[in-house]
Amino acid sequence: MTKNCINLTFLLLLAFLFISIVLIHCAALAPPKIQLQTTMQPLVPEGDENFSVQEDGELVYTEKGMKIVVKPMNDEKLNKMFPGISYKREASTNPYTYGNWIEPELGYTPNRFTVFVVKVFNYTKPKVNLDPRIAILKTDRGDLLHSYVRDQKEDADREIRSVEDVGHALNFESYYMQARGSSGVERQRFENRMGLVRQTLYVDGPVFKGDKKDGMLVFEPLDPGVKQIDLVLKDFVFEYDANNWPSVKKDIVFSFTREVKKEKAGETDK
């Protein structure tokens, strides 16, 4: 009886030591907890009275009878927009972020996209129009990015695409079809994401007098080394002629500085 007790105690001790070694080894291999913080600050062109900055960081362009408001959105803000679906790790259906899922090899949650909220207010003009399909994002590294659209047909129909974009789908339908599994749960997750995209993405169409329109402009994620960006709303239409053809249009450029920080255990790495 005593011998059996000694053997059992010895086995339990070995098991405890083995589990302890495994836990210590796993802890050593596990990536540290890091939070990626991306901030953008608006830049007002010197001498251009059409631009102004609001207290919440929105950059505003104003012309007689209308205005455009652009607000850069980091992942924290985007997750707060959809709190009920963003904090479910792999099951998150937020279409614009990875939620609170952590990339194991990185040790933090990477940016899924680069996102802006754009609002167009038309006070007195008959109608104005922003075509989000031809909006582009330029960086100080020389990148030229085109906006994401809703589906494959809309992507195929637009005319402006750079050489680098050939063969590269820039629509949410293709993007999330690639990530969709064959199970019913995965198909439902795909539909939930696409439903939110259809509700929130900025789409082409005029804004008539006394009306307003808002939505997301979405681009590929940026390299952490990007320090400045220009969001170019190409060929914004201010006026139409008697035949309903655009008669006054121009590019409007919204510029921002950018800073990316990795926060780890109370420290900040830029």
C-alpha atoms as a PDB file:
ATOM      1  CA  MET A   1       0.000   0.000   0.000  1.00  0.00           C
ATOM      2  CA  THR A   2       2.817   2.386   0.923  1.00  0.00           C
ATOM      3  CA  LYS A   3       4.722   1.447  -2.214  1.00  0.00           C
ATOM      4  CA  ASN A   4       1.673   2.167  -4.368  1.00  0.00           C
ATOM      5  CA  CYS A   5       1.252   5.576  -2.721  1.00  0.00           C
ATOM      6  CA  ILE A   6       4.905   6.413  -3.368  1.00  0.00           C
ATOM      7  CA  ASN A   7       4.565   5.385  -7.020  1.00  0.00           C
ATOM      8  CA  LEU A   8       1.393   7.482  -7.417  1.00  0.00           C
ATOM      9  CA  THR A   9       3.035  10.488  -5.797  1.00  0.00           C
ATOM     10  CA  PHE A  10       6.051  10.108  -8.059  1.00  0.00           C
ATOM     11  CA  LEU A  11       3.849   9.893 -11.162  1.00  0.00           C
ATOM     12  CA  LEU A  12       1.860  12.963 -10.114  1.00  0.00           C
ATOM     13  CA  LEU A  13       5.090  14.869  -9.544  1.00  0.00           C
ATOM     14  CA  LEU A  14       6.362  13.894 -12.988  1.00  0.00           C
ATOM     15  CA  ALA A  15       3.065  14.957 -14.547  1.00  0.00           C
ATOM     16  CA  PHE A  16       3.202  18.300 -12.744  1.00  0.00           C
ATOM     17  CA  LEU A  17       6.775  18.920 -13.891  1.00  0.00           C
ATOM     18  CA  PHE A  18       5.894  17.979 -17.467  1.00  0.00           C
ATOM     19  CA  ILE A  19       2.884  20.317 -17.563  1.00  0.00           C
ATOM     20  CA  SER A  20       4.933  23.130 -16.039  1.00  0.00           C
ATOM     21  CA  ILE A  21       7.675  22.732 -18.648  1.00  0.00           C
ATOM     22  CA  VAL A  22       5.110  22.704 -21.470  1.00  0.00           C
ATOM     23  CA  LEU A  23       3.387  25.842 -20.160  1.00  0.00           C
ATOM     24  CA  ILE A  24       6.679  27.700 -19.762  1.00  0.00           C
ATOM     25  CA  HIS A  25       7.745  26.666 -23.266  1.00  0.00           C
ATOM     26  CA  CYS A  26       4.436  27.774 -24.785  1.00  0.00           C
ATOM     27  CA  ALA A  27       4.595  31.083 -22.959  1.00  0.00           C
ATOM     28  CA  ALA A  28       8.063  31.672 -24.325  1.00  0.00           C
ATOM     29  CA  LEU A  29       6.936  30.909 -27.873  1.00  0.00           C
ATOM     30  CA  ALA A  30       3.701  32.906 -27.694  1.00  0.00           C
ATOM     31  CA  PRO A  31       3.980  36.349 -29.248  1.00  0.00           C
ATOM     32  CA  PRO A  32       3.763  39.279 -26.851  1.00  0.00           C
ATOM     33  CA  LYS A  33       0.457  41.123 -26.668  1.00  0.00           C
ATOM     34  CA  ILE A  34       0.756  44.136 -28.961  1.00  0.00           C
ATOM     35  CA  GLN A  35      -1.807  46.692 -29.978  1.00  0.00           C
ATOM     36  CA  LEU A  36      -1.482  48.468 -33.314  1.00  0.00           C
ATOM     37  CA  GLN A  37      -2.468  52.149 -33.097  1.00  0.00           C
ATOM     38  CA  THR A  38      -2.932  54.079 -36.333  1.00  0.00           C
ATOM     39  CA  THR A  39      -3.700  57.800 -36.265  1.00  0.00           C
ATOM     40  CA  MET A  40      -4.223  60.299 -39.076  1.00  0.00           C
ATOM     41  CA  GLN A  41      -4.152  64.063 -38.752  1.00  0.00           C
ATOM     42  CA  PRO A  42      -5.683  66.352 -41.405  1.00  0.00           C
ATOM     43  CA  LEU A  43      -3.485  68.689 -43.428  1.00  0.00           C
ATOM     44  CA  VAL A  44      -4.967  71.976 -44.639  1.00  0.00           C
ATOM     45  CA  PRO A  45      -3.396  73.221 -47.902  1.00  0.00           C
ATOM     46  CA  GLU A  46      -1.632  76.511 -47.266  1.00  0.00           C
ATOM     47  CA  GLY A  47      -3.677  79.441 -48.475  1.00  0.00           C
ATOM     48  CA  ASP A  48      -6.706  77.355 -49.460  1.00  0.00           C
ATOM     49  CA  GLU A  49      -9.705  78.788 -47.644  1.00  0.00           C
ATOM     50  CA  ASN A  50     -11.983  76.023 -48.905  1.00  0.00           C
ATOM     51  CA  PHE A  51     -10.494  73.583 -46.376  1.00  0.00           C
ATOM     52  CA  SER A  52     -10.964  73.545 -42.618  1.00  0.00           C
ATOM     53  CA  VAL A  53     -10.579  71.082 -39.746  1.00  0.00           C
ATOM     54  CA  GLN A  54     -13.261  70.146 -37.247  1.00  0.00           C
ATOM     55  CA  GLU A  55     -12.538  69.260 -33.619  1.00  0.00           C
ATOM     56  CA  ASP A  56     -12.998  65.527 -34.152  1.00  0.00           C
ATOM     57  CA  GLY A  57     -10.306  65.405 -36.849  1.00  0.00           C
ATOM     58  CA  GLU A  58     -12.614  65.639 -39.841  1.00  0.00           C
ATOM     59  CA  LEU A  59     -11.279  67.503 -42.864  1.00  0.00           C
ATOM     60  CA  VAL A  60     -13.908  69.704 -44.521  1.00  0.00           C
ATOM     61  CA  TYR A  61     -14.030  71.108 -48.043  1.00  0.00           C
ATOM     62  CA  THR A  62     -16.579  73.900 -48.572  1.00  0.00           C
ATOM     63  CA  GLU A  63     -17.769  75.602 -51.726  1.00  0.00           C
ATOM     64  CA  LYS A  64     -20.757  77.823 -52.316  1.00  0.00           C
ATOM     65  CA  GLY A  65     -23.850  75.759 -51.703  1.00  0.00           C
ATOM     66  CA  MET A  66     -22.178  72.472 -50.661  1.00  0.00           C
ATOM     67  CA  LYS A  67     -19.500  70.812 -48.578  1.00  0.00           C
ATOM     68  CA  ILE A  68     -17.631  67.499 -48.295  1.00  0.00           C
ATOM     69  CA  VAL A  69     -16.487  66.023 -44.977  1.00  0.00           C
ATOM     70  CA  VAL A  70     -13.832  63.287 -44.780  1.00  0.00           C
ATOM     71  CA  LYS A  71     -12.998  61.396 -41.607  1.00  0.00           C
ATOM     72  CA  PRO A  72     -10.259  58.718 -41.464  1.00  0.00           C
ATOM     73  CA  MET A  73     -11.327  55.634 -39.518  1.00  0.00           C
ATOM     74  CA  ASN A  74      -8.900  53.421 -37.609  1.00  0.00           C
ATOM     75  CA  ASP A  75      -9.794  49.891 -36.488  1.00  0.00           C
ATOM     76  CA  GLU A  76     -10.811  51.014 -33.009  1.00  0.00           C
ATOM     77  CA  LYS A  77     -13.433  53.363 -34.428  1.00  0.00           C
ATOM     78  CA  LEU A  78     -14.645  50.783 -36.943  1.00  0.00           C
ATOM     79  CA  ASN A  79     -15.035  48.120 -34.259  1.00  0.00           C
ATOM     80  CA  LYS A  80     -17.037  50.542 -32.130  1.00  0.00           C
ATOM     81  CA  MET A  81     -19.371  51.102 -35.074  1.00  0.00           C
ATOM     82  CA  PHE A  82     -20.264  47.399 -35.017  1.00  0.00           C
ATOM     83  CA  PRO A  83     -19.662  46.351 -31.380  1.00  0.00           C
ATOM     84  CA  GLY A  84     -21.993  43.363 -31.443  1.00  0.00           C
ATOM     85  CA  ILE A  85     -20.076  41.594 -34.214  1.00  0.00           C
ATOM     86  CA  SER A  86     -16.490  42.852 -33.913  1.00  0.00           C
ATOM     87  CA  TYR A  87     -15.363  41.185 -30.692  1.00  0.00           C
ATOM     88  CA  LYS A  88     -15.820  37.527 -31.620  1.00  0.00           C
ATOM     89  CA  ARG A  89     -12.278  36.752 -32.788  1.00  0.00           C
ATOM     90  CA  GLU A  90     -12.430  34.405 -35.817  1.00  0.00           C
ATOM     91  CA  ALA A  91     -16.227  34.714 -35.882  1.00  0.00           C
ATOM     92  CA  SER A  92     -16.201  38.516 -36.323  1.00  0.00           C
ATOM     93  CA  THR A  93     -18.298  39.678 -39.267  1.00  0.00           C
ATOM     94  CA  ASN A  94     -17.136  43.300 -39.282  1.00  0.00           C
ATOM     95  CA  PRO A  95     -16.384  43.702 -43.016  1.00  0.00           C
ATOM     96  CA  TYR A  96     -13.735  46.389 -42.504  1.00  0.00           C
ATOM     97  CA  THR A  97     -11.527  44.946 -39.735  1.00  0.00           C
ATOM     98  CA  TYR A  98     -10.293  41.669 -38.268  1.00  0.00           C
ATOM     99  CA  GLY A  99     -12.173  42.510 -35.070  1.00  0.00           C
ATOM    100  CA  ASN A 100     -10.185  41.356 -32.050  1.00  0.00           C
ATOM    101  CA  TRP A 101      -8.606  38.374 -33.829  1.00  0.00           C
ATOM    102  CA  ILE A 102      -4.822  38.283 -33.356  1.00  0.00           C
ATOM    103  CA  GLU A 103      -2.461  37.127 -36.093  1.00  0.00           C
ATOM    104  CA  PRO A 104      -0.328  34.484 -34.289  1.00  0.00           C
ATOM    105  CA  GLU A 105       2.879  35.214 -36.184  1.00  0.00           C
ATOM    106  CA  LEU A 106       2.600  38.974 -35.647  1.00  0.00           C
ATOM    107  CA  GLY A 107       1.220  38.997 -32.133  1.00  0.00           C
ATOM    108  CA  TYR A 108      -1.287  41.743 -32.924  1.00  0.00           C
ATOM    109  CA  THR A 109      -4.336  42.504 -35.055  1.00  0.00           C
ATOM    110  CA  PRO A 110      -3.265  43.872 -38.476  1.00  0.00           C
ATOM    111  CA  ASN A 111      -5.239  46.398 -40.487  1.00  0.00           C
ATOM    112  CA  ARG A 112      -7.567  44.767 -42.977  1.00  0.00           C
ATOM    113  CA  PHE A 113      -8.278  47.928 -44.991  1.00  0.00           C
ATOM    114  CA  THR A 114      -7.764  51.692 -45.035  1.00  0.00           C
ATOM    115  CA  VAL A 115     -11.156  53.312 -44.444  1.00  0.00           C
ATOM    116  CA  PHE A 116     -12.647  56.804 -44.617  1.00  0.00           C
ATOM    117  CA  VAL A 117     -16.160  58.048 -43.913  1.00  0.00           C
ATOM    118  CA  VAL A 118     -17.198  60.581 -46.554  1.00  0.00           C
ATOM    119  CA  LYS A 119     -20.205  62.886 -46.263  1.00  0.00           C
ATOM    120  CA  VAL A 120     -21.517  65.081 -49.076  1.00  0.00           C
ATOM    121  CA  PHE A 121     -23.924  67.916 -48.206  1.00  0.00           C
ATOM    122  CA  ASN A 122     -25.756  69.757 -50.988  1.00  0.00           C
ATOM    123  CA  TYR A 123     -27.506  72.894 -49.784  1.00  0.00           C
ATOM    124  CA  THR A 124     -28.354  74.939 -52.873  1.00  0.00           C
ATOM    125  CA  LYS A 125     -26.970  73.320 -56.043  1.00  0.00           C
ATOM    126  CA  PRO A 126     -29.399  71.393 -58.313  1.00  0.00           C
ATOM    127  CA  LYS A 127     -27.248  68.291 -57.861  1.00  0.00           C
ATOM    128  CA  VAL A 128     -23.637  67.228 -57.272  1.00  0.00           C
ATOM    129  CA  ASN A 129     -21.965  63.847 -57.514  1.00  0.00           C
ATOM    130  CA  LEU A 130     -19.027  61.930 -56.080  1.00  0.00           C
ATOM    131  CA  ASP A 131     -18.206  58.723 -57.962  1.00  0.00           C
ATOM    132  CA  PRO A 132     -16.413  56.516 -55.392  1.00  0.00           C
ATOM    133  CA  ARG A 133     -15.344  54.043 -58.088  1.00  0.00           C
ATOM    134  CA  ILE A 134     -12.714  56.470 -59.393  1.00  0.00           C
ATOM    135  CA  ALA A 135     -11.430  57.719 -56.025  1.00  0.00           C
ATOM    136  CA  ILE A 136      -7.741  56.996 -55.468  1.00  0.00           C
ATOM    137  CA  LEU A 137      -5.363  57.000 -52.515  1.00  0.00           C
ATOM    138  CA  LYS A 138      -1.774  58.216 -52.985  1.00  0.00           C
ATOM    139  CA  THR A 139       1.030  57.728 -50.468  1.00  0.00           C
ATOM    140  CA  ASP A 140       4.414  59.337 -49.887  1.00  0.00           C
ATOM    141  CA  ARG A 141       5.981  56.016 -50.890  1.00  0.00           C
ATOM    142  CA  GLY A 142       4.553  56.279 -54.410  1.00  0.00           C
ATOM    143  CA  ASP A 143       1.624  53.878 -53.940  1.00  0.00           C
ATOM    144  CA  LEU A 144      -1.495  54.473 -56.027  1.00  0.00           C
ATOM    145  CA  LEU A 145      -4.505  52.605 -54.662  1.00  0.00           C
ATOM    146  CA  HIS A 146      -7.986  52.340 -56.109  1.00  0.00           C
ATOM    147  CA  SER A 147     -11.131  52.036 -54.039  1.00  0.00           C
ATOM    148  CA  TYR A 148     -13.026  48.860 -53.242  1.00  0.00           C
ATOM    149  CA  VAL A 149     -16.528  48.495 -54.664  1.00  0.00           C
ATOM    150  CA  ARG A 150     -19.345  46.167 -53.673  1.00  0.00           C
ATOM    151  CA  ASP A 151     -19.376  43.347 -56.208  1.00  0.00           C
ATOM    152  CA  GLN A 152     -17.636  41.784 -59.188  1.00  0.00           C
ATOM    153  CA  LYS A 153     -19.872  43.420 -61.799  1.00  0.00           C
ATOM    154  CA  GLU A 154     -19.311  46.908 -60.410  1.00  0.00           C
ATOM    155  CA  ASP A 155     -15.567  46.209 -60.348  1.00  0.00           C
ATOM    156  CA  ALA A 156     -15.515  45.004 -63.966  1.00  0.00           C
ATOM    157  CA  ASP A 157     -17.597  47.933 -65.247  1.00  0.00           C
ATOM    158  CA  ARG A 158     -15.459  50.781 -63.934  1.00  0.00           C
ATOM    159  CA  GLU A 159     -12.980  52.274 -66.325  1.00  0.00           C
ATOM    160  CA  ILE A 160     -10.155  53.636 -64.161  1.00  0.00           C
ATOM    161  CA  ARG A 161      -7.675  50.961 -63.083  1.00  0.00           C
ATOM    162  CA  SER A 162      -3.911  51.167 -62.844  1.00  0.00           C
ATOM    163  CA  VAL A 163      -1.489  48.703 -64.433  1.00  0.00           C
ATOM    164  CA  GLU A 164      -0.775  47.241 -60.987  1.00  0.00           C
ATOM    165  CA  ASP A 165      -4.462  46.439 -60.537  1.00  0.00           C
ATOM    166  CA  VAL A 166      -4.765  44.213 -63.601  1.00  0.00           C
ATOM    167  CA  GLY A 167      -5.983  40.792 -62.481  1.00  0.00           C
ATOM    168  CA  HIS A 168      -6.461  42.007 -58.912  1.00  0.00           C
ATOM    169  CA  ALA A 169     -10.061  42.142 -57.731  1.00  0.00           C
ATOM    170  CA  LEU A 170     -11.008  45.224 -55.761  1.00  0.00           C
ATOM    171  CA  ASN A 171     -14.489  44.310 -54.650  1.00  0.00           C
ATOM    172  CA  PHE A 172     -15.834  42.921 -51.410  1.00  0.00           C
ATOM    173  CA  GLU A 173     -17.712  40.086 -53.068  1.00  0.00           C
ATOM    174  CA  SER A 174     -14.516  38.522 -54.475  1.00  0.00           C
ATOM    175  CA  TYR A 175     -12.521  39.330 -51.334  1.00  0.00           C
ATOM    176  CA  TYR A 176     -14.886  37.516 -48.998  1.00  0.00           C
ATOM    177  CA  MET A 177     -15.714  34.682 -51.378  1.00  0.00           C
ATOM    178  CA  GLN A 178     -12.042  33.690 -51.199  1.00  0.00           C
ATOM    179  CA  ALA A 179     -12.296  33.490 -47.412  1.00  0.00           C
ATOM    180  CA  ARG A 180     -15.667  31.722 -47.376  1.00  0.00           C
ATOM    181  CA  GLY A 181     -15.793  28.094 -46.324  1.00  0.00           C
ATOM    182  CA  SER A 182     -18.314  25.508 -47.485  1.00  0.00           C
ATOM    183  CA  SER A 183     -20.301  25.228 -44.253  1.00  0.00           C
ATOM    184  CA  GLY A 184     -23.628  26.904 -43.665  1.00  0.00           C
ATOM    185  CA  VAL A 185     -22.070  29.003 -40.905  1.00  0.00           C
ATOM    186  CA  GLU A 186     -19.401  30.316 -43.294  1.00  0.00           C
ATOM    187  CA  ARG A 187     -21.980  31.125 -45.964  1.00  0.00           C
ATOM    188  CA  GLN A 188     -24.065  33.008 -43.407  1.00  0.00           C
ATOM    189  CA  ARG A 189     -20.984  34.912 -42.263  1.00  0.00           C
ATOM    190  CA  PHE A 190     -20.345  35.910 -45.888  1.00  0.00           C
ATOM    191  CA  GLU A 191     -23.922  37.166 -46.287  1.00  0.00           C
ATOM    192  CA  ASN A 192     -23.718  39.127 -43.033  1.00  0.00           C
ATOM    193  CA  ARG A 193     -20.535  40.872 -44.143  1.00  0.00           C
ATOM    194  CA  MET A 194     -21.891  41.678 -47.583  1.00  0.00           C
ATOM    195  CA  GLY A 195     -25.106  42.976 -46.049  1.00  0.00           C
ATOM    196  CA  LEU A 196     -23.139  45.499 -43.995  1.00  0.00           C
ATOM    197  CA  VAL A 197     -21.046  46.480 -47.023  1.00  0.00           C
ATOM    198  CA  ARG A 198     -24.196  47.212 -49.018  1.00  0.00           C
ATOM    199  CA  GLN A 199     -25.539  49.325 -46.160  1.00  0.00           C
ATOM    200  CA  THR A 200     -22.407  51.357 -45.421  1.00  0.00           C
ATOM    201  CA  LEU A 201     -20.214  51.650 -48.542  1.00  0.00           C
ATOM    202  CA  TYR A 202     -20.463  54.944 -50.451  1.00  0.00           C
ATOM    203  CA  VAL A 203     -22.071  54.287 -53.845  1.00  0.00           C
ATOM    204  CA  ASP A 204     -22.303  56.315 -57.022  1.00  0.00           C
ATOM    205  CA  GLY A 205     -25.300  58.591 -57.486  1.00  0.00           C
ATOM    206  CA  PRO A 206     -26.216  62.300 -57.419  1.00  0.00           C
ATOM    207  CA  VAL A 207     -26.920  64.284 -54.274  1.00  0.00           C
ATOM    208  CA  PHE A 208     -29.812  66.624 -54.962  1.00  0.00           C
ATOM    209  CA  LYS A 209     -30.517  70.065 -53.518  1.00  0.00           C
ATOM    210  CA  GLY A 210     -31.298  69.953 -49.797  1.00  0.00           C
ATOM    211  CA  ASP A 211     -30.043  66.388 -49.425  1.00  0.00           C
ATOM    212  CA  LYS A 212     -26.925  64.675 -48.066  1.00  0.00           C
ATOM    213  CA  LYS A 213     -25.170  61.355 -48.591  1.00  0.00           C
ATOM    214  CA  ASP A 214     -22.534  59.456 -46.646  1.00  0.00           C
ATOM    215  CA  GLY A 215     -20.682  56.158 -46.679  1.00  0.00           C
ATOM    216  CA  MET A 216     -17.312  54.422 -46.552  1.00  0.00           C
ATOM    217  CA  LEU A 217     -14.433  54.743 -49.001  1.00  0.00           C
ATOM    218  CA  VAL A 218     -12.191  51.688 -48.640  1.00  0.00           C
ATOM    219  CA  PHE A 219      -8.683  50.902 -49.891  1.00  0.00           C
ATOM    220  CA  GLU A 220      -5.985  48.277 -49.353  1.00  0.00           C
ATOM    221  CA  PRO A 221      -4.132  48.411 -46.005  1.00  0.00           C
ATOM    222  CA  LEU A 222      -1.102  50.696 -45.958  1.00  0.00           C
ATOM    223  CA  ASP A 223       2.470  49.826 -45.139  1.00  0.00           C
ATOM    224  CA  PRO A 224       3.420  50.933 -41.597  1.00  0.00           C
ATOM    225  CA  GLY A 225       6.096  53.149 -43.149  1.00  0.00           C
ATOM    226  CA  VAL A 226       3.585  55.405 -44.922  1.00  0.00           C
ATOM    227  CA  LYS A 227       3.711  58.852 -43.296  1.00  0.00           C
ATOM    228  CA  GLN A 228       1.436  60.922 -45.531  1.00  0.00           C
ATOM    229  CA  ILE A 229      -1.522  60.174 -47.804  1.00  0.00           C
ATOM    230  CA  ASP A 230      -3.692  62.035 -50.302  1.00  0.00           C
ATOM    231  CA  LEU A 231      -7.279  60.932 -50.773  1.00  0.00           C
ATOM    232  CA  VAL A 232      -8.241  62.147 -54.261  1.00  0.00           C
ATOM    233  CA  LEU A 233     -11.937  62.460 -55.096  1.00  0.00           C
ATOM    234  CA  LYS A 234     -11.524  62.495 -58.848  1.00  0.00           C
ATOM    235  CA  ASP A 235     -13.860  64.418 -61.140  1.00  0.00           C
ATOM    236  CA  PHE A 236     -16.257  65.539 -58.432  1.00  0.00           C
ATOM    237  CA  VAL A 237     -19.237  67.001 -60.323  1.00  0.00           C
ATOM    238  CA  PHE A 238     -20.368  70.450 -59.181  1.00  0.00           C
ATOM    239  CA  GLU A 239     -22.738  71.283 -62.030  1.00  0.00           C
ATOM    240  CA  TYR A 240     -24.614  69.675 -64.936  1.00  0.00           C
ATOM    241  CA  ASP A 241     -25.634  71.229 -68.262  1.00  0.00           C
ATOM    242  CA  ALA A 242     -29.083  71.273 -69.872  1.00  0.00           C
ATOM    243  CA  ASN A 243     -28.469  67.811 -71.336  1.00  0.00           C
ATOM    244  CA  ASN A 244     -27.633  66.416 -67.878  1.00  0.00           C
ATOM    245  CA  TRP A 245     -23.949  66.052 -68.687  1.00  0.00           C
ATOM    246  CA  PRO A 246     -21.323  67.134 -66.105  1.00  0.00           C
ATOM    247  CA  SER A 247     -20.268  70.680 -66.994  1.00  0.00           C
ATOM    248  CA  VAL A 248     -18.140  71.611 -63.965  1.00  0.00           C
ATOM    249  CA  LYS A 249     -15.968  68.990 -62.281  1.00  0.00           C
ATOM    250  CA  LYS A 250     -12.541  68.803 -60.647  1.00  0.00           C
ATOM    251  CA  ASP A 251     -10.342  66.667 -58.406  1.00  0.00           C
ATOM    252  CA  ILE A 252     -10.505  67.416 -54.674  1.00  0.00           C
ATOM    253  CA  VAL A 253      -7.533  66.275 -52.584  1.00  0.00           C
ATOM    254  CA  PHE A 254      -7.811  65.541 -48.846  1.00  0.00           C
ATOM    255  CA  SER A 255      -4.376  65.148 -47.250  1.00  0.00           C
ATOM    256  CA  PHE A 256      -3.453  63.526 -43.925  1.00  0.00           C
ATOM    257  CA  THR A 257      -0.303  62.749 -41.981  1.00  0.00           C
ATOM    258  CA  ARG A 258      -0.122  59.213 -40.597  1.00  0.00           C
ATOM    259  CA  GLU A 259       1.526  57.609 -37.588  1.00  0.00           C
ATOM    260  CA  VAL A 260       1.597  53.926 -36.657  1.00  0.00           C
ATOM    261  CA  LYS A 261       2.529  52.771 -33.159  1.00  0.00           C
ATOM    262  CA  LYS A 262       2.892  49.291 -31.697  1.00  0.00           C
ATOM    263  CA  GLU A 263       2.103  49.300 -28.003  1.00  0.00           C
ATOM    264  CA  LYS A 264       3.513  46.415 -25.973  1.00  0.00           C
ATOM    265  CA  ALA A 265       3.423  45.952 -22.215  1.00  0.00           C
ATOM    266  CA  GLY A 266       3.223  49.678 -21.559  1.00  0.00           C
ATOM    267  CA  GLU A 267       5.916  50.561 -24.078  1.00  0.00           C
ATOM    268  CA  THR A 268       5.442  52.328 -27.412  1.00  0.00           C
ATOM    269  CA  ASP A 269       7.382  51.411 -30.555  1.00  0.00           C
ATOM    270  CA  LYS A 270       6.993  53.688 -33.578  1.00  0.00           C
END
